[in-house]
C-alpha atoms as a PDB file:
ATOM      1  CA  MET A   1      54.982 -12.731 -36.865  1.00  0.00           C
ATOM      2  CA  LYS A   2      56.592  -9.325 -37.213  1.00  0.00           C
ATOM      3  CA  ARG A   3      56.562  -6.674 -39.899  1.00  0.00           C
ATOM      4  CA  GLY A   4      53.319  -7.976 -41.445  1.00  0.00           C
ATOM      5  CA  ALA A   5      52.315 -11.405 -42.710  1.00  0.00           C
ATOM      6  CA  THR A   6      54.401 -11.323 -45.872  1.00  0.00           C
ATOM      7  CA  GLY A   7      57.578 -10.231 -44.073  1.00  0.00           C
ATOM      8  CA  THR A   8      58.118  -7.462 -46.671  1.00  0.00           C
ATOM      9  CA  GLY A   9      56.792  -4.593 -44.565  1.00  0.00           C
ATOM     10  CA  ILE A  10      53.514  -3.271 -43.257  1.00  0.00           C
ATOM     11  CA  SER A  11      50.745  -2.841 -45.773  1.00  0.00           C
ATOM     12  CA  VAL A  12      49.413   0.603 -46.619  1.00  0.00           C
ATOM     13  CA  LEU A  13      46.273  -0.138 -44.604  1.00  0.00           C
ATOM     14  CA  LEU A  14      48.292  -1.245 -41.604  1.00  0.00           C
ATOM     15  CA  SER A  15      50.511   1.812 -41.803  1.00  0.00           C
ATOM     16  CA  LEU A  16      47.429   4.039 -41.845  1.00  0.00           C
ATOM     17  CA  LEU A  17      45.852   2.062 -39.032  1.00  0.00           C
ATOM     18  CA  THR A  18      48.882   2.234 -36.747  1.00  0.00           C
ATOM     19  CA  ILE A  19      49.179   5.973 -37.360  1.00  0.00           C
ATOM     20  CA  LEU A  20      45.553   6.392 -36.391  1.00  0.00           C
ATOM     21  CA  ILE A  21      45.954   4.226 -33.331  1.00  0.00           C
ATOM     22  CA  ILE A  22      49.165   5.727 -32.024  1.00  0.00           C
ATOM     23  CA  ILE A  23      48.753   9.354 -33.078  1.00  0.00           C
ATOM     24  CA  SER A  24      45.054  10.073 -33.533  1.00  0.00           C
ATOM     25  CA  PRO A  25      42.886   7.786 -31.379  1.00  0.00           C
ATOM     26  CA  PRO A  26      39.767  10.000 -31.687  1.00  0.00           C
ATOM     27  CA  LEU A  27      39.832   9.832 -35.505  1.00  0.00           C
ATOM     28  CA  TYR A  28      40.228   6.049 -35.444  1.00  0.00           C
ATOM     29  CA  ALA A  29      37.457   5.785 -32.883  1.00  0.00           C
ATOM     30  CA  GLU A  30      35.129   7.675 -35.206  1.00  0.00           C
ATOM     31  CA  GLN A  31      35.806   5.093 -37.926  1.00  0.00           C
ATOM     32  CA  ILE A  32      35.491   1.848 -35.983  1.00  0.00           C
ATOM     33  CA  GLU A  33      34.482   2.845 -32.437  1.00  0.00           C
ATOM     34  CA  ILE A  34      37.087   1.454 -30.134  1.00  0.00           C
ATOM     35  CA  GLY A  35      37.590   1.256 -26.435  1.00  0.00           C
ATOM     36  CA  VAL A  36      40.805   1.665 -24.487  1.00  0.00           C
ATOM     37  CA  ILE A  37      42.115   0.105 -21.311  1.00  0.00           C
ATOM     38  CA  ARG A  38      45.415   1.381 -20.046  1.00  0.00           C
ATOM     39  CA  ASN A  39      47.575   0.984 -16.990  1.00  0.00           C
ATOM     40  CA  SER A  40      51.248   1.405 -16.182  1.00  0.00           C
ATOM     41  CA  GLU A  41      52.184  -1.873 -17.963  1.00  0.00           C
ATOM     42  CA  ILE A  42      49.951  -2.190 -21.035  1.00  0.00           C
ATOM     43  CA  ILE A  43      47.526  -0.407 -23.355  1.00  0.00           C
ATOM     44  CA  VAL A  44      44.694  -2.485 -24.796  1.00  0.00           C
ATOM     45  CA  ARG A  45      42.644  -1.089 -27.679  1.00  0.00           C
ATOM     46  CA  PHE A  46      39.635  -3.036 -28.804  1.00  0.00           C
ATOM     47  CA  GLU A  47      36.508  -2.922 -30.896  1.00  0.00           C
ATOM     48  CA  LYS A  48      33.678  -2.262 -28.486  1.00  0.00           C
ATOM     49  CA  PRO A  49      32.157  -5.794 -28.578  1.00  0.00           C
ATOM     50  CA  LEU A  50      35.492  -7.166 -27.305  1.00  0.00           C
ATOM     51  CA  LYS A  51      35.511  -5.406 -23.950  1.00  0.00           C
ATOM     52  CA  ASN A  52      35.543  -8.669 -21.982  1.00  0.00           C
ATOM     53  CA  ALA A  53      38.469  -9.947 -24.075  1.00  0.00           C
ATOM     54  CA  ALA A  54      40.346  -6.689 -23.479  1.00  0.00           C
ATOM     55  CA  GLU A  55      39.832  -7.022 -19.736  1.00  0.00           C
ATOM     56  CA  GLU A  56      41.161 -10.568 -19.967  1.00  0.00           C
ATOM     57  CA  VAL A  57      44.294  -9.291 -21.713  1.00  0.00           C
ATOM     58  CA  GLU A  58      44.818  -6.732 -18.959  1.00  0.00           C
ATOM     59  CA  GLU A  59      44.337  -9.410 -16.314  1.00  0.00           C
ATOM     60  CA  ILE A  60      46.678 -12.035 -17.751  1.00  0.00           C
ATOM     61  CA  TYR A  61      49.410  -9.705 -19.002  1.00  0.00           C
ATOM     62  CA  PRO A  62      51.387  -9.385 -15.733  1.00  0.00           C
ATOM     63  CA  ASP A  63      51.845 -13.167 -15.500  1.00  0.00           C
ATOM     64  CA  ILE A  64      52.722 -13.447 -19.186  1.00  0.00           C
ATOM     65  CA  LYS A  65      55.249 -10.639 -18.842  1.00  0.00           C
ATOM     66  CA  ALA A  66      56.774 -12.188 -15.718  1.00  0.00           C
ATOM     67  CA  GLY A  67      56.952 -15.632 -17.328  1.00  0.00           C
ATOM     68  CA  LEU A  68      58.659 -14.303 -20.455  1.00  0.00           C
ATOM     69  CA  GLU A  69      61.153 -12.293 -18.370  1.00  0.00           C
ATOM     70  CA  LYS A  70      62.003 -15.426 -16.416  1.00  0.00           C
ATOM     71  CA  THR A  71      62.447 -17.530 -19.574  1.00  0.00           C
ATOM     72  CA  ILE A  72      64.596 -15.061 -21.517  1.00  0.00           C
ATOM     73  CA  GLY A  73      66.166 -13.261 -18.563  1.00  0.00           C
ATOM     74  CA  TRP A  74      65.434  -9.773 -19.868  1.00  0.00           C
ATOM     75  CA  LYS A  75      63.068  -7.185 -18.439  1.00  0.00           C
ATOM     76  CA  VAL A  76      60.106  -5.871 -20.389  1.00  0.00           C
ATOM     77  CA  THR A  77      60.793  -2.172 -19.855  1.00  0.00           C
ATOM     78  CA  PHE A  78      58.388  -0.908 -22.514  1.00  0.00           C
ATOM     79  CA  ARG A  79      54.609  -0.654 -22.473  1.00  0.00           C
ATOM     80  CA  PRO A  80      53.096  -2.555 -25.411  1.00  0.00           C
ATOM     81  CA  THR A  81      49.851  -1.704 -27.151  1.00  0.00           C
ATOM     82  CA  VAL A  82      47.563  -4.651 -27.930  1.00  0.00           C
ATOM     83  CA  LEU A  83      44.891  -4.172 -30.582  1.00  0.00           C
ATOM     84  CA  LEU A  84      42.045  -6.710 -30.633  1.00  0.00           C
ATOM     85  CA  ILE A  85      40.260  -7.106 -33.958  1.00  0.00           C
ATOM     86  CA  LYS A  86      36.791  -8.615 -34.026  1.00  0.00           C
ATOM     87  CA  GLU A  87      36.414  -9.636 -37.680  1.00  0.00           C
ATOM     88  CA  SER A  88      38.838 -11.885 -39.597  1.00  0.00           C
ATOM     89  CA  LYS A  89      38.122  -9.905 -42.759  1.00  0.00           C
ATOM     90  CA  THR A  90      39.452  -6.715 -41.172  1.00  0.00           C
ATOM     91  CA  PHE A  91      42.483  -8.491 -39.764  1.00  0.00           C
ATOM     92  CA  ARG A  92      43.223 -10.181 -43.096  1.00  0.00           C
ATOM     93  CA  LYS A  93      43.463  -6.796 -44.800  1.00  0.00           C
ATOM     94  CA  MET A  94      46.152  -5.817 -42.283  1.00  0.00           C
ATOM     95  CA  ALA A  95      48.079  -9.072 -42.272  1.00  0.00           C
ATOM     96  CA  GLY A  96      47.694  -9.929 -45.947  1.00  0.00           C
ATOM     97  CA  ASN A  97      47.029 -13.600 -45.220  1.00  0.00           C
ATOM     98  CA  ASN A  98      44.091 -15.473 -43.718  1.00  0.00           C
ATOM     99  CA  GLN A  99      46.339 -18.070 -42.039  1.00  0.00           C
ATOM    100  CA  PHE A 100      47.725 -15.709 -39.419  1.00  0.00           C
ATOM    101  CA  VAL A 101      46.123 -15.102 -36.046  1.00  0.00           C
ATOM    102  CA  ALA A 102      48.340 -12.232 -34.855  1.00  0.00           C
ATOM    103  CA  PHE A 103      51.379 -10.126 -35.665  1.00  0.00           C
ATOM    104  CA  ALA A 104      53.733  -7.681 -33.987  1.00  0.00           C
ATOM    105  CA  VAL A 105      55.098  -4.339 -35.118  1.00  0.00           C
ATOM    106  CA  PRO A 106      58.263  -3.880 -33.036  1.00  0.00           C
ATOM    107  CA  ARG A 107      58.973  -0.250 -33.945  1.00  0.00           C
ATOM    108  CA  LYS A 108      55.507   0.647 -32.523  1.00  0.00           C
ATOM    109  CA  ASN A 109      55.573  -1.874 -29.640  1.00  0.00           C
ATOM    110  CA  LEU A 110      52.278  -2.981 -31.172  1.00  0.00           C
ATOM    111  CA  ILE A 111      50.552  -6.389 -31.123  1.00  0.00           C
ATOM    112  CA  VAL A 112      47.525  -6.991 -33.361  1.00  0.00           C
ATOM    113  CA  ILE A 113      45.354 -10.058 -32.638  1.00  0.00           C
ATOM    114  CA  ASP A 114      42.522 -11.595 -34.636  1.00  0.00           C
ATOM    115  CA  TYR A 115      40.222 -12.386 -31.734  1.00  0.00           C
ATOM    116  CA  SER A 116      37.891 -14.484 -33.905  1.00  0.00           C
ATOM    117  CA  LYS A 117      40.628 -17.150 -34.045  1.00  0.00           C
ATOM    118  CA  MET A 118      41.440 -17.206 -30.358  1.00  0.00           C
ATOM    119  CA  LYS A 119      39.237 -20.234 -29.804  1.00  0.00           C
ATOM    120  CA  THR A 120      40.830 -22.164 -32.705  1.00  0.00           C
ATOM    121  CA  HIS A 121      43.033 -24.935 -31.288  1.00  0.00           C
ATOM    122  CA  PRO A 122      45.758 -24.460 -30.137  1.00  0.00           C
ATOM    123  CA  PHE A 123      45.450 -20.663 -29.963  1.00  0.00           C
ATOM    124  CA  THR A 124      44.447 -18.775 -26.838  1.00  0.00           C
ATOM    125  CA  LEU A 125      44.869 -15.152 -25.875  1.00  0.00           C
ATOM    126  CA  GLY A 126      47.597 -16.139 -23.399  1.00  0.00           C
ATOM    127  CA  ILE A 127      49.715 -18.185 -25.790  1.00  0.00           C
ATOM    128  CA  THR A 128      49.318 -15.676 -28.614  1.00  0.00           C
ATOM    129  CA  LEU A 129      50.155 -12.713 -26.393  1.00  0.00           C
ATOM    130  CA  ARG A 130      53.259 -14.456 -25.060  1.00  0.00           C
ATOM    131  CA  HIS A 131      54.459 -15.253 -28.593  1.00  0.00           C
ATOM    132  CA  GLU A 132      54.011 -11.723 -29.920  1.00  0.00           C
ATOM    133  CA  LEU A 133      55.430 -10.123 -26.784  1.00  0.00           C
ATOM    134  CA  CYS A 134      58.551 -12.206 -27.304  1.00  0.00           C
ATOM    135  CA  HIS A 135      58.954 -10.613 -30.759  1.00  0.00           C
ATOM    136  CA  LEU A 136      58.796  -7.150 -29.195  1.00  0.00           C
ATOM    137  CA  LEU A 137      61.241  -8.109 -26.430  1.00  0.00           C
ATOM    138  CA  LEU A 138      63.813  -9.527 -28.862  1.00  0.00           C
ATOM    139  CA  HIS A 139      63.660  -6.437 -31.047  1.00  0.00           C
ATOM    140  CA  HIS A 140      63.830  -4.138 -28.043  1.00  0.00           C
ATOM    141  CA  TYR A 141      67.262  -5.512 -27.068  1.00  0.00           C
ATOM    142  CA  ILE A 142      68.713  -6.782 -30.397  1.00  0.00           C
ATOM    143  CA  ARG A 143      69.399  -4.640 -33.444  1.00  0.00           C
ATOM    144  CA  GLU A 144      67.279  -5.743 -36.389  1.00  0.00           C
ATOM    145  CA  GLU A 145      70.290  -6.443 -38.622  1.00  0.00           C
ATOM    146  CA  ASN A 146      71.605  -8.899 -36.009  1.00  0.00           C
ATOM    147  CA  LEU A 147      68.326 -10.805 -35.593  1.00  0.00           C
ATOM    148  CA  PRO A 148      67.551 -13.078 -38.557  1.00  0.00           C
ATOM    149  CA  ARG A 149      63.898 -13.728 -39.237  1.00  0.00           C
ATOM    150  CA  TRP A 150      64.210 -17.505 -38.715  1.00  0.00           C
ATOM    151  CA  LEU A 151      65.707 -17.008 -35.248  1.00  0.00           C
ATOM    152  CA  ASP A 152      63.150 -14.348 -34.310  1.00  0.00           C
ATOM    153  CA  GLU A 153      60.303 -16.717 -35.191  1.00  0.00           C
ATOM    154  CA  GLY A 154      62.042 -19.788 -33.793  1.00  0.00           C
ATOM    155  CA  ILE A 155      62.694 -18.242 -30.372  1.00  0.00           C
ATOM    156  CA  SER A 156      59.115 -16.882 -30.220  1.00  0.00           C
ATOM    157  CA  GLN A 157      57.776 -20.401 -30.857  1.00  0.00           C
ATOM    158  CA  TRP A 158      60.260 -21.836 -28.364  1.00  0.00           C
ATOM    159  CA  VAL A 159      58.939 -19.638 -25.543  1.00  0.00           C
ATOM    160  CA  SER A 160      55.283 -20.228 -26.452  1.00  0.00           C
ATOM    161  CA  GLY A 161      55.404 -24.016 -26.305  1.00  0.00           C
ATOM    162  CA  GLY A 162      56.045 -24.466 -30.015  1.00  0.00           C
ATOM    163  CA  ILE A 163      52.963 -22.501 -31.057  1.00  0.00           C
ATOM    164  CA  ALA A 164      53.422 -20.139 -34.002  1.00  0.00           C
ATOM    165  CA  GLU A 165      51.069 -17.329 -35.023  1.00  0.00           C
ATOM    166  CA  ILE A 166      50.043 -19.169 -38.161  1.00  0.00           C
ATOM    167  CA  ILE A 167      47.430 -21.882 -38.616  1.00  0.00           C
ATOM    168  CA  MET A 168      49.117 -25.113 -39.674  1.00  0.00           C
ATOM    169  CA  ASP A 169      47.862 -28.534 -40.707  1.00  0.00           C
ATOM    170  CA  THR A 170      49.687 -30.757 -38.248  1.00  0.00           C
ATOM    171  CA  LYS A 171      48.792 -33.861 -40.261  1.00  0.00           C
ATOM    172  CA  ARG A 172      50.644 -32.624 -43.317  1.00  0.00           C
ATOM    173  CA  SER A 173      54.038 -31.327 -42.281  1.00  0.00           C
ATOM    174  CA  PRO A 174      56.148 -29.667 -44.964  1.00  0.00           C
ATOM    175  CA  LEU A 175      59.156 -30.232 -42.682  1.00  0.00           C
ATOM    176  CA  LYS A 176      58.708 -34.007 -42.877  1.00  0.00           C
ATOM    177  CA  ASP A 177      58.566 -33.812 -46.648  1.00  0.00           C
ATOM    178  CA  ALA A 178      61.710 -31.660 -46.670  1.00  0.00           C
ATOM    179  CA  ALA A 179      63.547 -34.073 -44.371  1.00  0.00           C
ATOM    180  CA  LEU A 180      62.744 -36.993 -46.660  1.00  0.00           C
ATOM    181  CA  SER A 181      63.550 -35.200 -49.912  1.00  0.00           C
ATOM    182  CA  GLY A 182      66.386 -33.009 -48.606  1.00  0.00           C
ATOM    183  CA  ARG A 183      64.641 -29.945 -50.032  1.00  0.00           C
ATOM    184  CA  PHE A 184      64.990 -27.580 -47.101  1.00  0.00           C
ATOM    185  CA  ILE A 185      64.862 -23.820 -47.372  1.00  0.00           C
ATOM    186  CA  PRO A 186      68.417 -22.716 -46.457  1.00  0.00           C
ATOM    187  CA  VAL A 187      68.360 -20.592 -43.289  1.00  0.00           C
ATOM    188  CA  SER A 188      70.385 -18.013 -45.213  1.00  0.00           C
ATOM    189  CA  ALA A 189      67.279 -17.500 -47.378  1.00  0.00           C
ATOM    190  CA  LEU A 190      65.199 -16.831 -44.253  1.00  0.00           C
ATOM    191  CA  THR A 191      67.344 -14.063 -42.831  1.00  0.00           C
ATOM    192  CA  GLU A 192      65.262 -11.054 -43.834  1.00  0.00           C
ATOM    193  CA  ARG A 193      61.882 -12.429 -44.847  1.00  0.00           C
ATOM    194  CA  PHE A 194      59.774 -15.556 -45.234  1.00  0.00           C
ATOM    195  CA  PRO A 195      58.019 -16.782 -48.390  1.00  0.00           C
ATOM    196  CA  LYS A 196      54.711 -14.997 -48.949  1.00  0.00           C
ATOM    197  CA  GLU A 197      52.330 -17.934 -48.762  1.00  0.00           C
ATOM    198  CA  GLY A 198      51.600 -21.596 -49.310  1.00  0.00           C
ATOM    199  CA  LYS A 199      53.704 -24.604 -48.403  1.00  0.00           C
ATOM    200  CA  SER A 200      56.951 -22.628 -48.441  1.00  0.00           C
ATOM    201  CA  LEU A 201      55.639 -20.227 -45.783  1.00  0.00           C
ATOM    202  CA  LEU A 202      54.579 -23.117 -43.536  1.00  0.00           C
ATOM    203  CA  LEU A 203      57.979 -24.780 -44.081  1.00  0.00           C
ATOM    204  CA  ALA A 204      59.769 -21.567 -43.065  1.00  0.00           C
ATOM    205  CA  TYR A 205      57.852 -21.542 -39.750  1.00  0.00           C
ATOM    206  CA  GLU A 206      58.457 -25.236 -39.135  1.00  0.00           C
ATOM    207  CA  GLU A 207      62.143 -24.945 -39.892  1.00  0.00           C
ATOM    208  CA  SER A 208      62.501 -21.962 -37.564  1.00  0.00           C
ATOM    209  CA  LYS A 209      60.878 -23.875 -34.745  1.00  0.00           C
ATOM    210  CA  SER A 210      62.844 -27.049 -35.422  1.00  0.00           C
ATOM    211  CA  ILE A 211      66.332 -25.524 -35.569  1.00  0.00           C
ATOM    212  CA  VAL A 212      65.812 -23.597 -32.308  1.00  0.00           C
ATOM    213  CA  GLU A 213      64.493 -26.763 -30.645  1.00  0.00           C
ATOM    214  CA  TYR A 214      67.606 -28.534 -31.945  1.00  0.00           C
ATOM    215  CA  MET A 215      69.780 -25.852 -30.330  1.00  0.00           C
ATOM    216  CA  GLY A 216      67.937 -26.395 -27.054  1.00  0.00           C
ATOM    217  CA  ARG A 217      68.460 -30.172 -27.175  1.00  0.00           C
ATOM    218  CA  GLU A 218      72.130 -29.995 -28.152  1.00  0.00           C
ATOM    219  CA  TYR A 219      73.314 -26.996 -26.106  1.00  0.00           C
ATOM    220  CA  GLY A 220      70.659 -26.643 -23.437  1.00  0.00           C
ATOM    221  CA  ARG A 221      68.536 -23.684 -22.452  1.00  0.00           C
ATOM    222  CA  ASN A 222      71.600 -21.823 -21.234  1.00  0.00           C
ATOM    223  CA  GLY A 223      73.200 -22.247 -24.630  1.00  0.00           C
ATOM    224  CA  VAL A 224      70.216 -20.645 -26.360  1.00  0.00           C
ATOM    225  CA  LEU A 225      70.209 -17.784 -23.847  1.00  0.00           C
ATOM    226  CA  LYS A 226      73.947 -17.279 -24.362  1.00  0.00           C
ATOM    227  CA  LEU A 227      73.301 -16.979 -28.103  1.00  0.00           C
ATOM    228  CA  LEU A 228      70.691 -14.296 -27.438  1.00  0.00           C
ATOM    229  CA  LYS A 229      73.065 -12.461 -25.070  1.00  0.00           C
ATOM    230  CA  ASN A 230      75.741 -12.401 -27.769  1.00  0.00           C
ATOM    231  CA  LEU A 231      73.264 -10.900 -30.194  1.00  0.00           C
ATOM    232  CA  ARG A 232      72.217  -8.312 -27.620  1.00  0.00           C
ATOM    233  CA  ASP A 233      75.866  -7.434 -27.075  1.00  0.00           C
ATOM    234  CA  GLY A 234      76.159  -6.569 -30.758  1.00  0.00           C
ATOM    235  CA  ASP A 235      77.404  -9.753 -32.448  1.00  0.00           C
ATOM    236  CA  ASP A 236      75.916 -10.771 -35.768  1.00  0.00           C
ATOM    237  CA  VAL A 237      74.316 -14.199 -35.878  1.00  0.00           C
ATOM    238  CA  ASP A 238      77.418 -15.983 -37.229  1.00  0.00           C
ATOM    239  CA  ALA A 239      79.676 -14.620 -34.485  1.00  0.00           C
ATOM    240  CA  ALA A 240      76.998 -15.192 -31.813  1.00  0.00           C
ATOM    241  CA  ILE A 241      76.602 -18.838 -32.780  1.00  0.00           C
ATOM    242  CA  GLN A 242      80.367 -19.373 -32.933  1.00  0.00           C
ATOM    243  CA  LYS A 243      80.795 -17.966 -29.431  1.00  0.00           C
ATOM    244  CA  ALA A 244      77.792 -19.798 -27.942  1.00  0.00           C
ATOM    245  CA  PHE A 245      78.102 -23.204 -29.585  1.00  0.00           C
ATOM    246  CA  LYS A 246      81.710 -23.347 -30.824  1.00  0.00           C
ATOM    247  CA  THR A 247      80.522 -24.077 -34.338  1.00  0.00           C
ATOM    248  CA  THR A 248      79.493 -22.178 -37.416  1.00  0.00           C
ATOM    249  CA  LEU A 249      75.942 -21.562 -38.579  1.00  0.00           C
ATOM    250  CA  GLN A 250      76.600 -23.687 -41.648  1.00  0.00           C
ATOM    251  CA  GLU A 251      77.872 -26.598 -39.552  1.00  0.00           C
ATOM    252  CA  LEU A 252      74.938 -26.212 -37.178  1.00  0.00           C
ATOM    253  CA  GLU A 253      72.498 -26.345 -40.084  1.00  0.00           C
ATOM    254  CA  ILE A 254      74.138 -29.512 -41.474  1.00  0.00           C
ATOM    255  CA  LYS A 255      73.990 -31.252 -38.088  1.00  0.00           C
ATOM    256  CA  TRP A 256      70.356 -30.252 -37.677  1.00  0.00           C
ATOM    257  CA  HIS A 257      69.489 -31.669 -41.112  1.00  0.00           C
ATOM    258  CA  LYS A 258      71.237 -34.943 -40.250  1.00  0.00           C
ATOM    259  CA  GLN A 259      69.377 -35.296 -36.970  1.00  0.00           C
ATOM    260  CA  LEU A 260      66.070 -34.655 -38.726  1.00  0.00           C
ATOM    261  CA  GLY A 261      66.968 -37.280 -41.304  1.00  0.00           C
ATOM    262  CA  LYS A 262      67.497 -39.839 -38.526  1.00  0.00           C
ATOM    263  CA  ARG A 263      64.245 -38.934 -36.743  1.00  0.00           C
ATOM    264  CA  ILE A 264      62.083 -38.698 -39.846  1.00  0.00           C
ATOM    265  CA  THR A 265      62.403 -41.798 -42.032  1.00  0.00           C
ATOM    266  CA  TRP A 266      60.017 -43.297 -44.538  1.00  0.00           C
ATOM    267  CA  VAL A 267      58.894 -45.742 -41.846  1.00  0.00           C
ATOM    268  CA  THR A 268      58.040 -42.969 -39.368  1.00  0.00           C
ATOM    269  CA  TYR A 269      56.501 -40.886 -42.103  1.00  0.00           C
ATOM    270  CA  LEU A 270      54.243 -43.704 -43.301  1.00  0.00           C
ATOM    271  CA  SER A 271      53.327 -44.712 -39.755  1.00  0.00           C
ATOM    272  CA  GLY A 272      52.386 -41.105 -39.038  1.00  0.00           C
ATOM    273  CA  ASN A 273      50.145 -41.098 -42.110  1.00  0.00           C
ATOM    274  CA  LEU A 274      48.775 -44.610 -41.674  1.00  0.00           C
ATOM    275  CA  TYR A 275      45.125 -43.564 -41.865  1.00  0.00           C
ATOM    276  CA  GLU A 276      45.655 -41.655 -45.115  1.00  0.00           C
ATOM    277  CA  LEU A 277      47.680 -44.557 -46.529  1.00  0.00           C
ATOM    278  CA  LEU A 278      45.003 -47.122 -45.687  1.00  0.00           C
ATOM    279  CA  PHE A 279      42.342 -44.857 -47.164  1.00  0.00           C
ATOM    280  CA  PHE A 280      44.394 -44.523 -50.355  1.00  0.00           C
ATOM    281  CA  LEU A 281      44.930 -48.299 -50.621  1.00  0.00           C
ATOM    282  CA  ALA A 282      41.224 -48.920 -50.015  1.00  0.00           C
ATOM    283  CA  ALA A 283      40.441 -46.496 -52.828  1.00  0.00           C
ATOM    284  CA  LEU A 284      42.853 -48.318 -55.153  1.00  0.00           C
ATOM    285  CA  ILE A 285      41.292 -51.672 -54.280  1.00  0.00           C
ATOM    286  CA  THR A 286      37.826 -50.260 -54.958  1.00  0.00           C
ATOM    287  CA  ILE A 287      38.922 -48.872 -58.323  1.00  0.00           C
ATOM    288  CA  ALA A 288      40.622 -52.162 -59.227  1.00  0.00           C
ATOM    289  CA  GLY A 289      37.489 -54.119 -58.314  1.00  0.00           C
ATOM    290  CA  PHE A 290      35.360 -51.783 -60.425  1.00  0.00           C
ATOM    291  CA  ILE A 291      37.679 -52.238 -63.414  1.00  0.00           C
ATOM    292  CA  ARG A 292      37.578 -56.016 -63.043  1.00  0.00           C
ATOM    293  CA  LEU A 293      33.800 -55.921 -62.930  1.00  0.00           C
ATOM    294  CA  LEU A 294      33.683 -53.898 -66.151  1.00  0.00           C
ATOM    295  CA  MET A 295      36.102 -56.333 -67.834  1.00  0.00           C
ATOM    296  CA  LYS A 296      33.962 -59.310 -66.779  1.00  0.00           C
ATOM    297  CA  LYS A 297      30.835 -57.664 -68.175  1.00  0.00           C
ATOM    298  CA  ARG A 298      32.653 -57.000 -71.438  1.00  0.00           C
ATOM    299  CA  ASN A 299      33.845 -60.605 -71.615  1.00  0.00           C
ATOM    300  CA  TYR A 300      30.319 -61.905 -71.045  1.00  0.00           C
ATOM    301  CA  LYS A 301      29.064 -59.633 -73.806  1.00  0.00           C
ATOM    302  CA  ASP A 302      31.773 -60.884 -76.170  1.00  0.00           C
ATOM    303  CA  ASP A 303      30.841 -64.517 -75.366  1.00  0.00           C
ATOM    304  CA  ASP A 304      27.174 -63.762 -76.100  1.00  0.00           C
ATOM    305  CA  ASP A 305      28.107 -62.205 -79.418  1.00  0.00           C
ATOM    306  CA  ASP A 306      30.155 -65.299 -80.351  1.00  0.00           C
ATOM    307  CA  ASP A 307      27.228 -67.606 -79.544  1.00  0.00           C
ATOM    308  CA  ASP A 308      24.945 -65.566 -81.741  1.00  0.00           C
ATOM    309  CA  TYR A 309      27.429 -65.850 -84.622  1.00  0.00           C
ATOM    310  CA  TYR A 310      27.658 -69.679 -84.464  1.00  0.00           C
ATOM    311  CA  GLU A 311      23.908 -70.005 -84.221  1.00  0.00           C
ATOM    312  CA  GLU A 312      23.620 -68.266 -87.555  1.00  0.00           C
END
């Protein structure tokens, strides 16, 4: 995630925090007591209990950097700052949402990670760092007005094995619901920002991942890299897609929707939710049996009342 969890900018607290981190480390240290590890490639700032985690970041960063450079084909020529936060409560105040595990601030070359969630499947320090570093790399080479939010997030998931920086319920996919109902969020609505929260936010992330994966399947890795090169060269996203894929963004979106419709049918949807469906049917059967039992008891009572009447 970049520019804060809501996509509408950095919160006042985050703005203050980044100023303290970048400009006045001693003042920030007085408030929270942080440690710093720095070398020629990376700066790691951390709350003192996270020293081991900070050392791990320093150790794994060279391989993550090299792997990302190989995947995208661009050099990481800047030195990022990674801030490790110990408490989710503190991180939530910065990110504005409890579902996020990390975010990036490209203009500061800053990555902020909620370390308390780094052992929550499927998140690890390595995967999260690779994802957020990709955000910084894209923004380092591509002007912000040429990099739509959906592509920024989609590429960052693409290079991190499909992992986003947001906790999702894989059993309940908003994308599957959208494919069945046709109620997608148009990519044009995801150019500058994502929805603030809830199902729409999850759908925005899933759509971003899915459309970039579709590009990879249809046009290959080289096609995706050509798209990024066009953006780096100064093309806007419409021109970049036209040059890379010989199609328009609108046509690409339509084809992607159609392919999703073929892959996600009611049969596949129900088979993927078989356990929930069986549980629901069992509940209906139980309720129906209970109602029948009540009706039988009422009928017996009515029969008893009739017998009493005739006896009189």
